[in-house]
Amino acid sequence: MREEENKRSSQSSSVKRFFKKRWVFPAIYIASAAIILTAVLWFQTSNSATDKYDYKSTDLAGKKNQTPAVEVNKPLENFKMPVAKADAAVVKMKFYDFQGKAEDQEAALVFYNNTYVPNTGIDITMKDGETFDVVASLSGTVTRVDEDAVLGNVIEVEHDKGIVTQYQSVKDIKVKVGEEVKQGQVLAKAGQSLFNEKAGTHVHFEIRKDGVAVNPTNYFEKSLTTLQEDKLSDDNSSDSVDSPQIKEDEQMIDDPANSTDDKKSGDDKSSDEKTDDESMNSTQNKNS
């Protein structure tokens, strides 16, 4: 019994002496801290949200409800002449301005099918009379490509809701409906049309707002915003036409030569009728 008691007291005194050493408790603290830190790191790694849900770099909050990003640094474009070499271009026929001078209005009349029709755009040619590249006046989306023998084919580009540009009398068309075009991009080659044969090789260029043709020369070197903010007068709202047939129906201006002939024919007819009446009266007098 005494041996066992002596043995226990010896072990107890050894433990007490161990804990009395100065480095024991610091060592215990450091070891405990290391164990706790290791456990925390393991827990975070095993429960990482990236591993659990496999997020991708494109998974952004509210992505489905977001509208397409707009390039804020995109420079504002101004309307340009629809030709690659503007310096060599000549405006063969100007836009018919209902508020313009009489001589300018007369010069802006297109004679087609024995009818004078106001020009709803400008007709552009080259000084040498040769064909040339027709380019987009402004960036936009091609909404119409028509083969038309009378107008010489038609390309229409939409730039904003209700605002379009039209390119008539073109050939070798290089774009199609739905295609996005940049300003200055080649659309076709200048050609000829039956509607304005007198212009020769040219491009008929129009700018339209809500279906109403406006004077293109008033908006060259001006932004789309300028046209959007402008209010069209009632006089201009009546000159929106799409084809020669509509032009004939809605904006007919009779050929003065034809009017003179008709008047002369009517006068001749009246003279003949008068002569017949005089002859009849003379015969009746003789019979009496």
C-alpha atoms as a PDB file:
ATOM      1  CA  MET A   1       0.000   0.000   0.000  1.00  0.00           C
ATOM      2  CA  ARG A   2       2.736   2.387   0.892  1.00  0.00           C
ATOM      3  CA  GLU A   3       4.524   1.644  -2.344  1.00  0.00           C
ATOM      4  CA  GLU A   4       1.415   2.555  -4.354  1.00  0.00           C
ATOM      5  CA  GLU A   5       0.921   5.768  -2.364  1.00  0.00           C
ATOM      6  CA  ASN A   6       4.530   6.696  -2.865  1.00  0.00           C
ATOM      7  CA  LYS A   7       4.185   6.004  -6.573  1.00  0.00           C
ATOM      8  CA  ARG A   8       1.084   8.234  -6.900  1.00  0.00           C
ATOM      9  CA  SER A   9       2.660  11.060  -4.949  1.00  0.00           C
ATOM     10  CA  SER A  10       5.724  10.798  -7.132  1.00  0.00           C
ATOM     11  CA  GLN A  11       3.645  11.068 -10.331  1.00  0.00           C
ATOM     12  CA  SER A  12       1.680  14.030  -8.906  1.00  0.00           C
ATOM     13  CA  SER A  13       4.842  15.858  -7.998  1.00  0.00           C
ATOM     14  CA  SER A  14       6.225  15.214 -11.507  1.00  0.00           C
ATOM     15  CA  VAL A  15       3.145  16.755 -13.122  1.00  0.00           C
ATOM     16  CA  LYS A  16       3.339  19.763 -10.831  1.00  0.00           C
ATOM     17  CA  ARG A  17       6.975  20.245 -11.665  1.00  0.00           C
ATOM     18  CA  PHE A  18       6.156  19.998 -15.440  1.00  0.00           C
ATOM     19  CA  PHE A  19       3.504  22.698 -15.269  1.00  0.00           C
ATOM     20  CA  LYS A  20       5.814  24.912 -13.239  1.00  0.00           C
ATOM     21  CA  LYS A  21       8.144  25.176 -16.192  1.00  0.00           C
ATOM     22  CA  ARG A  22       7.898  28.632 -17.869  1.00  0.00           C
ATOM     23  CA  TRP A  23       7.464  27.458 -21.474  1.00  0.00           C
ATOM     24  CA  VAL A  24       4.644  24.945 -20.845  1.00  0.00           C
ATOM     25  CA  PHE A  25       1.614  27.265 -20.856  1.00  0.00           C
ATOM     26  CA  PRO A  26       2.759  29.395 -23.818  1.00  0.00           C
ATOM     27  CA  ALA A  27       3.276  26.195 -25.754  1.00  0.00           C
ATOM     28  CA  ILE A  28      -0.197  24.986 -24.870  1.00  0.00           C
ATOM     29  CA  TYR A  29      -1.738  28.294 -25.942  1.00  0.00           C
ATOM     30  CA  ILE A  30       0.081  28.273 -29.279  1.00  0.00           C
ATOM     31  CA  ALA A  31      -0.889  24.685 -29.988  1.00  0.00           C
ATOM     32  CA  SER A  32      -4.533  25.377 -29.142  1.00  0.00           C
ATOM     33  CA  ALA A  33      -4.601  28.415 -31.400  1.00  0.00           C
ATOM     34  CA  ALA A  34      -3.080  26.437 -34.242  1.00  0.00           C
ATOM     35  CA  ILE A  35      -5.693  23.695 -33.868  1.00  0.00           C
ATOM     36  CA  ILE A  36      -8.587  26.203 -33.825  1.00  0.00           C
ATOM     37  CA  LEU A  37      -7.265  28.113 -36.860  1.00  0.00           C
ATOM     38  CA  THR A  38      -6.830  24.904 -38.820  1.00  0.00           C
ATOM     39  CA  ALA A  39     -10.384  23.850 -38.027  1.00  0.00           C
ATOM     40  CA  VAL A  40     -11.791  27.224 -39.157  1.00  0.00           C
ATOM     41  CA  LEU A  41      -9.901  27.143 -42.452  1.00  0.00           C
ATOM     42  CA  TRP A  42     -11.026  23.599 -43.161  1.00  0.00           C
ATOM     43  CA  PHE A  43     -14.650  24.502 -42.449  1.00  0.00           C
ATOM     44  CA  GLN A  44     -14.544  27.510 -44.802  1.00  0.00           C
ATOM     45  CA  THR A  45     -12.936  25.522 -47.587  1.00  0.00           C
ATOM     46  CA  SER A  46     -15.367  22.626 -47.379  1.00  0.00           C
ATOM     47  CA  ASN A  47     -18.422  24.927 -47.364  1.00  0.00           C
ATOM     48  CA  SER A  48     -17.266  27.437 -49.979  1.00  0.00           C
ATOM     49  CA  ALA A  49     -20.225  28.993 -51.868  1.00  0.00           C
ATOM     50  CA  THR A  50     -18.250  28.981 -55.095  1.00  0.00           C
ATOM     51  CA  ASP A  51     -17.905  25.170 -55.007  1.00  0.00           C
ATOM     52  CA  LYS A  52     -21.479  24.626 -53.890  1.00  0.00           C
ATOM     53  CA  TYR A  53     -23.274  26.770 -56.491  1.00  0.00           C
ATOM     54  CA  ASP A  54     -20.641  26.896 -59.262  1.00  0.00           C
ATOM     55  CA  TYR A  55     -21.094  30.597 -59.931  1.00  0.00           C
ATOM     56  CA  LYS A  56     -19.850  31.970 -63.246  1.00  0.00           C
ATOM     57  CA  SER A  57     -18.371  35.381 -63.857  1.00  0.00           C
ATOM     58  CA  THR A  58     -21.452  36.380 -65.866  1.00  0.00           C
ATOM     59  CA  ASP A  59     -23.953  35.503 -63.110  1.00  0.00           C
ATOM     60  CA  LEU A  60     -24.791  38.985 -61.927  1.00  0.00           C
ATOM     61  CA  ALA A  61     -27.687  39.980 -59.734  1.00  0.00           C
ATOM     62  CA  GLY A  62     -30.684  41.077 -61.755  1.00  0.00           C
ATOM     63  CA  LYS A  63     -29.004  40.212 -65.051  1.00  0.00           C
ATOM     64  CA  LYS A  64     -32.236  39.004 -66.683  1.00  0.00           C
ATOM     65  CA  ASN A  65     -33.981  42.318 -66.034  1.00  0.00           C
ATOM     66  CA  GLN A  66     -31.164  44.512 -67.213  1.00  0.00           C
ATOM     67  CA  THR A  67     -31.428  46.430 -70.510  1.00  0.00           C
ATOM     68  CA  PRO A  68     -28.549  46.265 -72.997  1.00  0.00           C
ATOM     69  CA  ALA A  69     -25.663  48.518 -72.126  1.00  0.00           C
ATOM     70  CA  VAL A  70     -25.377  51.754 -74.068  1.00  0.00           C
ATOM     71  CA  GLU A  71     -22.000  52.964 -75.208  1.00  0.00           C
ATOM     72  CA  VAL A  72     -21.867  56.372 -73.547  1.00  0.00           C
ATOM     73  CA  ASN A  73     -18.659  57.376 -75.298  1.00  0.00           C
ATOM     74  CA  LYS A  74     -20.112  56.796 -78.789  1.00  0.00           C
ATOM     75  CA  PRO A  75     -19.741  60.050 -80.759  1.00  0.00           C
ATOM     76  CA  LEU A  76     -22.869  61.716 -82.107  1.00  0.00           C
ATOM     77  CA  GLU A  77     -23.132  61.467 -85.890  1.00  0.00           C
ATOM     78  CA  ASN A  78     -24.236  64.230 -88.240  1.00  0.00           C
ATOM     79  CA  PHE A  79     -26.078  63.694 -91.514  1.00  0.00           C
ATOM     80  CA  LYS A  80     -23.614  63.460 -94.408  1.00  0.00           C
ATOM     81  CA  MET A  81     -23.919  63.589 -98.176  1.00  0.00           C
ATOM     82  CA  PRO A  82     -24.662  60.022 -99.361  1.00  0.00           C
ATOM     83  CA  VAL A  83     -21.608  59.922-101.621  1.00  0.00           C
ATOM     84  CA  ALA A  84     -18.038  58.836-101.015  1.00  0.00           C
ATOM     85  CA  LYS A  85     -16.563  61.911-102.748  1.00  0.00           C
ATOM     86  CA  ALA A  86     -18.665  64.840-101.605  1.00  0.00           C
ATOM     87  CA  ASP A  87     -16.303  67.412-103.150  1.00  0.00           C
ATOM     88  CA  ALA A  88     -16.946  66.059-106.644  1.00  0.00           C
ATOM     89  CA  ALA A  89     -20.728  65.792-106.161  1.00  0.00           C
ATOM     90  CA  VAL A  90     -23.294  68.130-107.717  1.00  0.00           C
ATOM     91  CA  VAL A  91     -26.922  68.582-106.683  1.00  0.00           C
ATOM     92  CA  LYS A  92     -28.683  68.181-110.034  1.00  0.00           C
ATOM     93  CA  MET A  93     -32.160  68.910-108.663  1.00  0.00           C
ATOM     94  CA  LYS A  94     -33.050  70.428-105.316  1.00  0.00           C
ATOM     95  CA  PHE A  95     -35.858  69.680-102.875  1.00  0.00           C
ATOM     96  CA  TYR A  96     -39.236  71.266-103.665  1.00  0.00           C
ATOM     97  CA  ASP A  97     -39.835  73.774-100.877  1.00  0.00           C
ATOM     98  CA  PHE A  98     -43.455  74.876-100.610  1.00  0.00           C
ATOM     99  CA  GLN A  99     -42.235  78.020 -98.838  1.00  0.00           C
ATOM    100  CA  GLY A 100     -39.498  78.737-101.385  1.00  0.00           C
ATOM    101  CA  LYS A 101     -39.234  81.175-104.263  1.00  0.00           C
ATOM    102  CA  ALA A 102     -41.218  80.568-107.444  1.00  0.00           C
ATOM    103  CA  GLU A 103     -38.108  80.079-109.587  1.00  0.00           C
ATOM    104  CA  ASP A 104     -36.660  77.570-107.090  1.00  0.00           C
ATOM    105  CA  GLN A 105     -39.940  75.675-107.017  1.00  0.00           C
ATOM    106  CA  GLU A 106     -40.054  75.537-110.794  1.00  0.00           C
ATOM    107  CA  ALA A 107     -36.503  74.144-110.898  1.00  0.00           C
ATOM    108  CA  ALA A 108     -37.487  71.435-108.384  1.00  0.00           C
ATOM    109  CA  LEU A 109     -40.299  69.945-110.495  1.00  0.00           C
ATOM    110  CA  VAL A 110     -39.848  66.511-112.038  1.00  0.00           C
ATOM    111  CA  PHE A 111     -41.629  65.951-115.359  1.00  0.00           C
ATOM    112  CA  TYR A 112     -42.935  62.388-115.527  1.00  0.00           C
ATOM    113  CA  ASN A 113     -45.842  60.887-117.445  1.00  0.00           C
ATOM    114  CA  ASN A 114     -46.977  64.296-118.723  1.00  0.00           C
ATOM    115  CA  THR A 115     -47.158  65.578-115.151  1.00  0.00           C
ATOM    116  CA  TYR A 116     -44.989  67.924-113.105  1.00  0.00           C
ATOM    117  CA  VAL A 117     -44.271  66.431-109.673  1.00  0.00           C
ATOM    118  CA  PRO A 118     -42.536  68.194-106.727  1.00  0.00           C
ATOM    119  CA  ASN A 119     -39.161  66.657-105.929  1.00  0.00           C
ATOM    120  CA  THR A 120     -39.276  65.125-102.437  1.00  0.00           C
ATOM    121  CA  GLY A 121     -35.512  64.834-102.094  1.00  0.00           C
ATOM    122  CA  ILE A 122     -32.330  65.910-103.849  1.00  0.00           C
ATOM    123  CA  ASP A 123     -30.788  64.350-106.957  1.00  0.00           C
ATOM    124  CA  ILE A 124     -27.003  64.056-106.735  1.00  0.00           C
ATOM    125  CA  THR A 125     -24.634  63.438-109.643  1.00  0.00           C
ATOM    126  CA  MET A 126     -20.908  63.632-110.274  1.00  0.00           C
ATOM    127  CA  LYS A 127     -19.290  66.368-112.336  1.00  0.00           C
ATOM    128  CA  ASP A 128     -18.006  63.807-114.837  1.00  0.00           C
ATOM    129  CA  GLY A 129     -21.416  62.136-115.170  1.00  0.00           C
ATOM    130  CA  GLU A 130     -20.031  58.713-114.237  1.00  0.00           C
ATOM    131  CA  THR A 131     -21.453  56.297-111.670  1.00  0.00           C
ATOM    132  CA  PHE A 132     -20.230  56.487-108.064  1.00  0.00           C
ATOM    133  CA  ASP A 133     -20.502  54.798-104.675  1.00  0.00           C
ATOM    134  CA  VAL A 134     -23.647  55.584-102.709  1.00  0.00           C
ATOM    135  CA  VAL A 135     -22.910  55.488 -98.967  1.00  0.00           C
ATOM    136  CA  ALA A 136     -24.990  55.596 -95.787  1.00  0.00           C
ATOM    137  CA  SER A 137     -25.633  59.158 -94.671  1.00  0.00           C
ATOM    138  CA  LEU A 138     -26.022  57.970 -91.077  1.00  0.00           C
ATOM    139  CA  SER A 139     -25.630  54.667 -89.225  1.00  0.00           C
ATOM    140  CA  GLY A 140     -28.792  52.585 -88.973  1.00  0.00           C
ATOM    141  CA  THR A 141     -30.674  49.437 -89.959  1.00  0.00           C
ATOM    142  CA  VAL A 142     -31.709  48.550 -93.511  1.00  0.00           C
ATOM    143  CA  THR A 143     -35.508  48.186 -93.513  1.00  0.00           C
ATOM    144  CA  ARG A 144     -36.264  48.147 -97.229  1.00  0.00           C
ATOM    145  CA  VAL A 145     -34.578  46.958-100.425  1.00  0.00           C
ATOM    146  CA  ASP A 146     -36.886  47.093-103.462  1.00  0.00           C
ATOM    147  CA  GLU A 147     -36.318  46.568-107.157  1.00  0.00           C
ATOM    148  CA  ASP A 148     -38.250  49.305-108.922  1.00  0.00           C
ATOM    149  CA  ALA A 149     -37.812  50.084-112.602  1.00  0.00           C
ATOM    150  CA  VAL A 150     -39.518  53.472-112.319  1.00  0.00           C
ATOM    151  CA  LEU A 151     -37.644  54.757-109.264  1.00  0.00           C
ATOM    152  CA  GLY A 152     -34.463  52.902-110.182  1.00  0.00           C
ATOM    153  CA  ASN A 153     -34.485  50.614-107.083  1.00  0.00           C
ATOM    154  CA  VAL A 154     -34.905  51.779-103.481  1.00  0.00           C
ATOM    155  CA  ILE A 155     -32.917  51.319-100.253  1.00  0.00           C
ATOM    156  CA  GLU A 156     -34.323  52.566 -96.955  1.00  0.00           C
ATOM    157  CA  VAL A 157     -32.343  52.834 -93.709  1.00  0.00           C
ATOM    158  CA  GLU A 158     -33.978  53.509 -90.345  1.00  0.00           C
ATOM    159  CA  HIS A 159     -31.976  55.577 -87.852  1.00  0.00           C
ATOM    160  CA  ASP A 160     -34.528  56.140 -85.131  1.00  0.00           C
ATOM    161  CA  LYS A 161     -38.239  55.596 -84.612  1.00  0.00           C
ATOM    162  CA  GLY A 162     -39.935  57.402 -87.479  1.00  0.00           C
ATOM    163  CA  ILE A 163     -36.719  58.774 -89.051  1.00  0.00           C
ATOM    164  CA  VAL A 164     -35.377  57.127 -92.205  1.00  0.00           C
ATOM    165  CA  THR A 165     -33.214  57.925 -95.208  1.00  0.00           C
ATOM    166  CA  GLN A 166     -34.032  56.707 -98.718  1.00  0.00           C
ATOM    167  CA  TYR A 167     -31.661  56.065-101.604  1.00  0.00           C
ATOM    168  CA  GLN A 168     -33.351  55.765-105.005  1.00  0.00           C
ATOM    169  CA  SER A 169     -31.959  55.263-108.514  1.00  0.00           C
ATOM    170  CA  VAL A 170     -29.274  52.786-107.401  1.00  0.00           C
ATOM    171  CA  LYS A 171     -27.791  49.562-108.774  1.00  0.00           C
ATOM    172  CA  ASP A 172     -25.371  46.837-107.630  1.00  0.00           C
ATOM    173  CA  ILE A 173     -26.984  46.862-104.183  1.00  0.00           C
ATOM    174  CA  LYS A 174     -24.623  45.535-101.490  1.00  0.00           C
ATOM    175  CA  VAL A 175     -26.918  45.387 -98.435  1.00  0.00           C
ATOM    176  CA  LYS A 176     -30.018  43.465 -97.409  1.00  0.00           C
ATOM    177  CA  VAL A 177     -32.986  44.004 -95.114  1.00  0.00           C
ATOM    178  CA  GLY A 178     -32.094  43.716 -91.411  1.00  0.00           C
ATOM    179  CA  GLU A 179     -28.421  44.543 -91.912  1.00  0.00           C
ATOM    180  CA  GLU A 180     -26.758  47.102 -89.641  1.00  0.00           C
ATOM    181  CA  VAL A 181     -24.835  49.709 -91.611  1.00  0.00           C
ATOM    182  CA  LYS A 182     -22.312  52.280 -90.481  1.00  0.00           C
ATOM    183  CA  GLN A 183     -22.068  55.862 -91.627  1.00  0.00           C
ATOM    184  CA  GLY A 184     -20.049  56.001 -94.836  1.00  0.00           C
ATOM    185  CA  GLN A 185     -20.578  52.310 -95.649  1.00  0.00           C
ATOM    186  CA  VAL A 186     -21.156  51.613 -99.353  1.00  0.00           C
ATOM    187  CA  LEU A 187     -24.784  50.677-100.039  1.00  0.00           C
ATOM    188  CA  ALA A 188     -24.842  50.554-103.852  1.00  0.00           C
ATOM    189  CA  LYS A 189     -23.803  52.295-107.052  1.00  0.00           C
ATOM    190  CA  ALA A 190     -25.570  55.295-108.544  1.00  0.00           C
ATOM    191  CA  GLY A 191     -27.829  54.413-111.454  1.00  0.00           C
ATOM    192  CA  GLN A 192     -30.684  55.796-113.524  1.00  0.00           C
ATOM    193  CA  SER A 193     -34.457  55.887-113.222  1.00  0.00           C
ATOM    194  CA  LEU A 194     -37.440  56.275-115.505  1.00  0.00           C
ATOM    195  CA  PHE A 195     -38.956  58.748-113.080  1.00  0.00           C
ATOM    196  CA  ASN A 196     -36.201  61.319-113.617  1.00  0.00           C
ATOM    197  CA  GLU A 197     -34.394  60.371-116.818  1.00  0.00           C
ATOM    198  CA  LYS A 198     -33.216  63.932-117.251  1.00  0.00           C
ATOM    199  CA  ALA A 199     -30.933  63.599-114.193  1.00  0.00           C
ATOM    200  CA  GLY A 200     -28.900  60.845-115.866  1.00  0.00           C
ATOM    201  CA  THR A 201     -26.700  58.759-113.562  1.00  0.00           C
ATOM    202  CA  HIS A 202     -27.602  59.952-110.088  1.00  0.00           C
ATOM    203  CA  VAL A 203     -28.864  59.029-106.631  1.00  0.00           C
ATOM    204  CA  HIS A 204     -32.140  60.407-105.363  1.00  0.00           C
ATOM    205  CA  PHE A 205     -31.692  61.004-101.618  1.00  0.00           C
ATOM    206  CA  GLU A 206     -34.488  61.643 -99.121  1.00  0.00           C
ATOM    207  CA  ILE A 207     -34.761  62.178 -95.371  1.00  0.00           C
ATOM    208  CA  ARG A 208     -38.159  61.399 -93.873  1.00  0.00           C
ATOM    209  CA  LYS A 209     -39.615  62.019 -90.445  1.00  0.00           C
ATOM    210  CA  ASP A 210     -42.845  60.136 -89.644  1.00  0.00           C
ATOM    211  CA  GLY A 211     -43.349  59.558 -93.355  1.00  0.00           C
ATOM    212  CA  VAL A 212     -42.904  63.221 -94.306  1.00  0.00           C
ATOM    213  CA  ALA A 213     -40.046  64.171 -96.613  1.00  0.00           C
ATOM    214  CA  VAL A 214     -37.875  67.039 -95.367  1.00  0.00           C
ATOM    215  CA  ASN A 215     -35.209  69.064 -97.141  1.00  0.00           C
ATOM    216  CA  PRO A 216     -31.957  67.073 -96.786  1.00  0.00           C
ATOM    217  CA  THR A 217     -29.756  70.121 -97.301  1.00  0.00           C
ATOM    218  CA  ASN A 218     -31.212  71.657 -94.138  1.00  0.00           C
ATOM    219  CA  TYR A 219     -29.833  68.793 -92.029  1.00  0.00           C
ATOM    220  CA  PHE A 220     -26.420  68.043 -93.516  1.00  0.00           C
ATOM    221  CA  GLU A 221     -23.776  68.395 -90.790  1.00  0.00           C
ATOM    222  CA  LYS A 222     -26.546  68.385 -88.164  1.00  0.00           C
ATOM    223  CA  SER A 223     -27.312  65.625 -85.670  1.00  0.00           C
ATOM    224  CA  LEU A 224     -30.298  63.322 -85.557  1.00  0.00           C
ATOM    225  CA  THR A 225     -31.459  65.149 -82.426  1.00  0.00           C
ATOM    226  CA  THR A 226     -31.930  68.347 -84.424  1.00  0.00           C
ATOM    227  CA  LEU A 227     -34.396  66.625 -86.743  1.00  0.00           C
ATOM    228  CA  GLN A 228     -36.137  64.941 -83.811  1.00  0.00           C
ATOM    229  CA  GLU A 229     -36.718  68.286 -82.113  1.00  0.00           C
ATOM    230  CA  ASP A 230     -37.857  70.130 -85.245  1.00  0.00           C
ATOM    231  CA  LYS A 231     -41.602  70.453 -85.781  1.00  0.00           C
ATOM    232  CA  LEU A 232     -42.779  70.004 -89.348  1.00  0.00           C
ATOM    233  CA  SER A 233     -45.150  72.588 -90.767  1.00  0.00           C
ATOM    234  CA  ASP A 234     -48.561  71.620 -92.132  1.00  0.00           C
ATOM    235  CA  ASP A 235     -47.449  72.620 -95.622  1.00  0.00           C
ATOM    236  CA  ASN A 236     -44.682  70.033 -95.637  1.00  0.00           C
ATOM    237  CA  SER A 237     -46.906  67.311 -94.230  1.00  0.00           C
ATOM    238  CA  SER A 238     -48.746  67.001 -97.541  1.00  0.00           C
ATOM    239  CA  ASP A 239     -45.713  66.193 -99.655  1.00  0.00           C
ATOM    240  CA  SER A 240     -45.049  62.733 -98.300  1.00  0.00           C
ATOM    241  CA  VAL A 241     -45.133  60.373-101.267  1.00  0.00           C
ATOM    242  CA  ASP A 242     -43.694  56.955-102.000  1.00  0.00           C
ATOM    243  CA  SER A 243     -44.198  56.416-105.705  1.00  0.00           C
ATOM    244  CA  PRO A 244     -44.879  58.319-108.935  1.00  0.00           C
ATOM    245  CA  GLN A 245     -48.473  57.070-108.938  1.00  0.00           C
ATOM    246  CA  ILE A 246     -49.173  58.649-105.556  1.00  0.00           C
ATOM    247  CA  LYS A 247     -47.376  61.759-106.678  1.00  0.00           C
ATOM    248  CA  GLU A 248     -49.684  61.942-109.668  1.00  0.00           C
ATOM    249  CA  ASP A 249     -52.789  61.464-107.528  1.00  0.00           C
ATOM    250  CA  GLU A 250     -51.933  63.752-104.601  1.00  0.00           C
ATOM    251  CA  GLN A 251     -49.558  66.353-106.008  1.00  0.00           C
ATOM    252  CA  MET A 252     -50.520  66.687-109.648  1.00  0.00           C
ATOM    253  CA  ILE A 253     -49.388  69.830-111.387  1.00  0.00           C
ATOM    254  CA  ASP A 254     -50.613  69.843-114.991  1.00  0.00           C
ATOM    255  CA  ASP A 255     -48.218  70.454-117.837  1.00  0.00           C
ATOM    256  CA  PRO A 256     -48.749  74.073-118.952  1.00  0.00           C
ATOM    257  CA  ALA A 257     -48.238  73.018-122.571  1.00  0.00           C
ATOM    258  CA  ASN A 258     -51.027  70.452-122.302  1.00  0.00           C
ATOM    259  CA  SER A 259     -53.279  73.007-120.636  1.00  0.00           C
ATOM    260  CA  THR A 260     -52.664  75.458-123.484  1.00  0.00           C
ATOM    261  CA  ASP A 261     -53.416  72.785-126.065  1.00  0.00           C
ATOM    262  CA  ASP A 262     -56.639  71.862-124.296  1.00  0.00           C
ATOM    263  CA  LYS A 263     -57.714  75.507-124.175  1.00  0.00           C
ATOM    264  CA  LYS A 264     -56.886  75.997-127.827  1.00  0.00           C
ATOM    265  CA  SER A 265     -58.819  72.865-128.751  1.00  0.00           C
ATOM    266  CA  GLY A 266     -61.816  74.158-126.788  1.00  0.00           C
ATOM    267  CA  ASP A 267     -61.657  77.529-128.563  1.00  0.00           C
ATOM    268  CA  ASP A 268     -61.497  75.828-131.969  1.00  0.00           C
ATOM    269  CA  LYS A 269     -64.486  73.687-131.070  1.00  0.00           C
ATOM    270  CA  SER A 270     -66.472  76.764-130.050  1.00  0.00           C
ATOM    271  CA  SER A 271     -65.604  78.508-133.339  1.00  0.00           C
ATOM    272  CA  ASP A 272     -66.762  75.477-135.357  1.00  0.00           C
ATOM    273  CA  GLU A 273     -70.038  75.344-133.459  1.00  0.00           C
ATOM    274  CA  LYS A 274     -70.540  79.077-134.052  1.00  0.00           C
ATOM    275  CA  THR A 275     -69.934  78.669-137.808  1.00  0.00           C
ATOM    276  CA  ASP A 276     -72.421  75.775-137.974  1.00  0.00           C
ATOM    277  CA  ASP A 277     -75.066  77.897-136.227  1.00  0.00           C
ATOM    278  CA  GLU A 278     -74.549  80.773-138.653  1.00  0.00           C
ATOM    279  CA  SER A 279     -74.877  78.435-141.645  1.00  0.00           C
ATOM    280  CA  MET A 280     -78.080  76.959-140.263  1.00  0.00           C
ATOM    281  CA  ASN A 281     -79.582  80.415-139.688  1.00  0.00           C
ATOM    282  CA  SER A 282     -78.654  81.475-143.260  1.00  0.00           C
ATOM    283  CA  THR A 283     -80.398  78.411-144.717  1.00  0.00           C
ATOM    284  CA  GLN A 284     -83.512  79.037-142.712  1.00  0.00           C
ATOM    285  CA  ASN A 285     -83.657  82.655-143.929  1.00  0.00           C
ATOM    286  CA  LYS A 286     -83.409  81.549-147.586  1.00  0.00           C
ATOM    287  CA  ASN A 287     -86.252  79.058-147.129  1.00  0.00           C
ATOM    288  CA  SER A 288     -88.404  81.805-145.658  1.00  0.00           C
END
